[in-house]
Amino acid sequence: NPLQSLLSSMKHACEILTSEPEGGAAAIPFETFSFLYLYLASIDRELPEDETEAFLHKIKEEAEKQSGMVLIRHF
């Protein structure tokens, strides 16, 4: 499943890029998440653009509740 593969990649990216201690929420700024997500989604032509945009909109709403940070649990 292309979406599951992309989300798995994003989970790893969050774990690598977070400044939180290991075992934390692995939060990263929405701008960073969005940039990586859109880049990776553009490589995989199987993901419809409207689904990509809808997913990012949902993530942004969640991030706004967390001072602009995306947590792995959001996706």
Protein backbone atom coordinates (compact mmCIF):
# COMPACT_ATOMS: atom_id res chain seq x y z
CA ASN A 1 0.00 0.00 0.00
CA PRO A 2 1.66 3.27 -1.11
CA LEU A 3 0.04 5.35 1.63
CA GLN A 4 1.17 2.99 4.41
CA SER A 5 4.70 3.03 2.99
CA LEU A 6 4.69 6.83 2.91
CA LEU A 7 3.36 7.08 6.48
CA SER A 8 6.01 4.63 7.65
CA SER A 9 8.67 6.82 6.03
CA MET A 10 7.18 9.89 7.73
CA LYS A 11 7.23 8.14 11.10
CA HIS A 12 10.92 7.42 10.68
CA ALA A 13 11.56 11.01 9.56
CA CYS A 14 9.84 12.33 12.69
CA GLU A 15 11.91 10.03 14.89
CA ILE A 16 15.13 11.16 13.19
CA LEU A 17 14.38 14.89 13.05
CA THR A 18 12.78 15.45 16.45
CA SER A 19 14.66 17.36 19.10
CA GLU A 20 12.78 15.50 21.84
CA PRO A 21 14.47 12.80 23.91
CA GLU A 22 14.12 9.20 22.76
CA GLY A 23 10.75 7.74 23.68
CA GLY A 24 9.04 11.12 23.38
CA ALA A 25 6.29 12.09 20.93
CA ALA A 26 8.84 12.65 18.10
CA ALA A 27 7.26 16.01 17.29
CA ILE A 28 8.52 18.05 14.34
CA PRO A 29 7.32 21.41 12.98
CA PHE A 30 4.41 21.20 10.55
CA GLU A 31 6.44 23.04 7.90
CA THR A 32 9.12 20.33 7.99
CA PHE A 33 6.53 17.55 7.97
CA SER A 34 4.64 19.13 5.09
CA PHE A 35 7.78 19.65 2.99
CA LEU A 36 8.90 16.03 3.41
CA TYR A 37 5.42 14.60 2.93
CA LEU A 38 4.79 16.53 -0.29
CA TYR A 39 8.23 15.61 -1.61
CA LEU A 40 7.80 11.90 -0.93
CA ALA A 41 4.21 11.91 -2.21
CA SER A 42 5.34 13.53 -5.46
CA ILE A 43 7.76 10.66 -6.07
CA ASP A 44 5.00 8.07 -5.70
CA ARG A 45 2.62 8.67 -8.58
CA GLU A 46 0.07 6.24 -7.12
CA LEU A 47 -1.04 8.72 -4.46
CA PRO A 48 -3.85 11.02 -5.68
CA GLU A 49 -3.09 14.70 -5.15
CA ASP A 50 -6.49 15.39 -3.56
CA GLU A 51 -5.86 12.71 -0.92
CA THR A 52 -2.41 14.15 -0.23
CA GLU A 53 -3.87 17.62 0.27
CA ALA A 54 -6.73 16.34 2.45
CA PHE A 55 -4.29 14.43 4.65
CA LEU A 56 -2.05 17.48 5.09
CA HIS A 57 -5.06 19.64 5.96
CA LYS A 58 -6.04 17.18 8.71
CA ILE A 59 -2.47 17.08 10.02
CA LYS A 60 -2.25 20.89 10.02
CA GLU A 61 -5.42 21.14 12.13
CA GLU A 62 -3.92 18.73 14.66
CA ALA A 63 -0.56 20.50 14.62
CA GLU A 64 -2.21 23.86 15.33
CA LYS A 65 -3.47 22.38 18.62
CA GLN A 66 0.16 21.46 19.48
CA SER A 67 1.87 24.82 18.86
CA GLY A 68 2.51 23.95 15.22
CA MET A 69 4.13 20.59 15.93
CA VAL A 70 3.20 17.29 14.25
CA LEU A 71 3.17 14.24 16.51
CA ILE A 72 3.33 10.69 15.20
CA ARG A 73 -0.02 9.96 16.83
CA HIS A 74 -1.61 12.51 14.47
CA PHE A 75 -1.24 10.05 11.63
